[in-house]
Protein backbone atom coordinates (compact mmCIF):
# COMPACT_ATOMS: atom_id res chain seq x y z
CA MET A 1 -11.43 -37.04 39.85
CA THR A 2 -8.08 -35.54 38.92
CA GLU A 3 -7.22 -32.14 40.42
CA LEU A 4 -7.20 -29.19 38.02
CA VAL A 5 -3.78 -28.13 39.33
CA ALA A 6 -2.25 -31.25 37.79
CA PHE A 7 -3.10 -29.91 34.31
CA LYS A 8 -1.08 -26.68 34.66
CA PRO A 9 2.04 -28.13 32.97
CA LEU A 10 -0.11 -29.40 30.09
CA VAL A 11 -1.68 -25.99 29.57
CA GLY A 12 1.73 -24.31 29.84
CA GLY A 13 3.02 -26.71 27.18
CA VAL A 14 0.13 -25.87 24.86
CA LEU A 15 0.89 -22.18 25.21
CA LYS A 16 4.60 -22.76 24.69
CA VAL A 17 4.06 -24.85 21.54
CA ASN A 18 1.89 -22.05 20.18
CA GLY A 19 4.71 -19.54 20.75
CA LEU A 20 3.27 -17.79 23.79
CA THR A 21 5.73 -17.20 26.60
CA ARG A 22 5.06 -15.85 30.08
CA SER A 23 6.16 -12.41 28.90
CA HIS A 24 3.38 -12.29 26.29
CA PRO A 25 0.74 -9.71 27.28
CA GLN A 26 -2.13 -12.18 26.95
CA TYR A 27 -0.44 -15.27 28.38
CA ASP A 28 -2.46 -15.18 31.59
CA ASP A 29 -5.73 -14.65 29.74
CA TYR A 30 -5.15 -17.62 27.45
CA PHE A 31 -3.96 -19.74 30.38
CA GLN A 32 -7.14 -18.97 32.30
CA GLU A 33 -9.37 -19.68 29.29
CA LEU A 34 -7.71 -23.04 28.69
CA MET A 35 -8.04 -23.93 32.37
CA LEU A 36 -11.78 -23.14 32.18
CA ILE A 37 -12.11 -25.39 29.13
CA LEU A 38 -10.31 -28.12 31.07
CA TRP A 39 -12.56 -27.63 34.10
CA GLU A 40 -15.67 -28.09 31.91
CA ARG A 41 -14.12 -31.14 30.27
CA LEU A 42 -13.22 -32.63 33.67
CA ALA A 43 -16.83 -32.23 34.80
CA ASN A 44 -17.91 -34.48 31.90
CA GLU A 45 -14.91 -36.85 31.93
CA PRO A 46 -13.51 -37.17 35.48
CA ASP A 47 -10.88 -39.75 34.49
CA LEU A 48 -8.78 -37.49 32.19
CA ALA A 49 -5.06 -38.04 32.44
CA PRO A 50 -2.98 -34.88 33.06
CA THR A 51 0.17 -36.38 31.47
CA HIS A 52 0.86 -38.23 28.22
CA ASN A 53 -2.53 -37.23 26.83
CA THR A 54 -1.88 -36.19 23.22
CA GLN A 55 -5.56 -36.06 22.35
CA LEU A 56 -6.26 -33.54 25.11
CA PHE A 57 -3.12 -31.60 24.17
CA ARG A 58 -4.28 -31.28 20.53
CA PHE A 59 -7.80 -30.37 21.69
CA LEU A 60 -6.46 -27.51 23.85
CA LEU A 61 -4.08 -26.39 21.11
CA TRP A 62 -6.95 -26.06 18.64
CA ARG A 63 -9.12 -24.22 21.18
CA LEU A 64 -6.23 -21.78 21.70
CA LYS A 65 -5.87 -21.26 17.94
CA ASP A 66 -9.63 -20.67 17.71
CA MET A 67 -9.41 -18.03 20.46
CA GLN A 68 -6.53 -16.30 18.66
CA ARG A 69 -8.34 -16.34 15.31
CA LYS A 70 -11.43 -14.85 16.92
CA GLU A 71 -9.33 -12.12 18.54
CA TRP A 72 -7.48 -11.32 15.31
CA LEU A 73 -10.76 -11.15 13.41
CA GLN A 74 -12.22 -8.81 16.00
CA GLN A 75 -9.13 -6.57 15.89
CA SER A 76 -9.18 -6.40 12.09
CA ARG A 77 -12.88 -5.48 12.15
CA CYS A 78 -12.21 -2.72 14.70
CA GLN A 79 -9.32 -1.35 12.64
CA LEU A 80 -11.44 -1.41 9.46
CA LYS A 81 -14.27 0.36 11.29
CA GLN A 82 -11.88 3.05 12.53
CA GLU A 83 -10.51 3.54 9.01
CA VAL A 84 -14.01 3.82 7.55
CA ASP A 85 -15.12 6.22 10.30
CA SER A 86 -12.05 8.44 9.87
CA GLY A 87 -12.47 8.41 6.08
CA PHE A 88 -16.12 9.40 6.43
CA CYS A 89 -15.25 12.21 8.85
CA GLU A 90 -12.54 13.49 6.51
CA ASP A 91 -15.01 13.51 3.60
CA VAL A 92 -17.61 15.41 5.63
CA TYR A 93 -14.95 17.74 6.98
CA MET A 94 -13.51 18.51 3.54
CA GLY A 95 -17.00 18.89 2.10
CA MET A 96 -17.72 21.55 4.71
CA TRP A 97 -14.52 23.43 3.83
CA TYR A 98 -15.27 23.30 0.10
CA ALA A 99 -18.82 24.54 0.72
CA LEU A 100 -17.32 27.46 2.65
CA LYS A 101 -15.06 28.21 -0.30
CA GLN A 102 -18.11 28.83 -2.49
CA GLN A 103 -19.28 31.54 -0.09
CA LEU A 104 -16.00 33.48 -0.32
CA PRO A 105 -15.47 36.30 -2.81
CA LEU A 106 -13.69 35.22 -6.00
CA SER A 107 -10.54 37.13 -5.08
CA LEU A 108 -10.10 35.06 -1.89
CA GLN A 109 -10.92 31.61 -3.31
CA PRO A 110 -7.45 30.85 -4.79
CA ILE A 111 -5.75 31.70 -1.49
CA TYR A 112 -8.27 29.64 0.45
CA GLN A 113 -7.76 26.67 -1.91
CA HIS A 114 -3.99 27.00 -1.51
CA VAL A 115 -4.39 26.85 2.29
CA LEU A 116 -6.52 23.69 1.92
CA ASP A 117 -3.97 22.08 -0.39
CA TYR A 118 -0.87 23.07 1.60
CA PRO A 119 -1.89 23.64 5.23
CA ASP A 120 1.64 23.44 6.68
CA LEU A 121 3.27 26.22 4.66
CA SER A 122 4.55 29.33 6.37
CA LEU A 123 3.28 32.76 5.39
CA GLN A 124 6.51 33.58 3.59
CA ALA A 125 6.56 30.34 1.58
CA ARG A 126 2.88 30.73 0.71
CA SER A 127 3.40 34.31 -0.48
CA ARG A 128 6.28 33.16 -2.73
CA GLN A 129 4.22 30.32 -4.23
CA LEU A 130 1.21 32.53 -4.86
CA ALA A 131 3.36 35.47 -6.05
CA VAL A 132 1.52 37.80 -3.65
CA ASN A 133 3.07 40.33 -1.33
CA ARG A 134 3.33 38.98 2.22
CA LYS A 135 1.34 41.85 3.77
CA THR A 136 -1.38 41.52 1.14
CA LEU A 137 -1.56 37.78 1.77
CA ARG A 138 -1.81 38.39 5.53
CA ARG A 139 -4.76 40.81 5.00
CA ARG A 140 -6.55 38.34 2.72
CA LEU A 141 -6.02 35.47 5.18
CA ASP A 142 -7.50 37.68 7.91
CA MET A 143 -10.52 38.33 5.68
CA ILE A 144 -10.92 34.58 5.15
CA GLY A 145 -10.70 34.11 8.92
CA ARG A 146 -13.55 36.59 9.40
CA TYR A 147 -15.69 34.60 6.93
CA ILE A 148 -14.98 31.36 8.78
CA LYS A 149 -16.03 32.82 12.13
């Protein structure tokens, strides 16, 4: 039976052909996975040649591509799930703020809506856009704050 150590250059070549260098963050993981595949294959076929074996090289290359596809698919599913979860939370969050708006007196609702639409504005810029005195706006924002609490 051929030693598993003799297959290290073959596995390194498979990784290199696939564009994975030693500096790649998952190089060691892929290397270990391919070595495990080789170990299983050696258990069934003890006379495998570690050099000049194009069939084994292609087999390992396709196993590596399968592992990468599986990982990419899993990452895309996780990203999609995070996007859906964040979108759902934003919808629930905004729904809560709009429900709170209905509880406010009519005189405070336009200011509250303006704060929802433009949350990053300063008090001075907001007072200019709403054409309301800055002190009056400050009092009304304080009243809205008391409703929220």
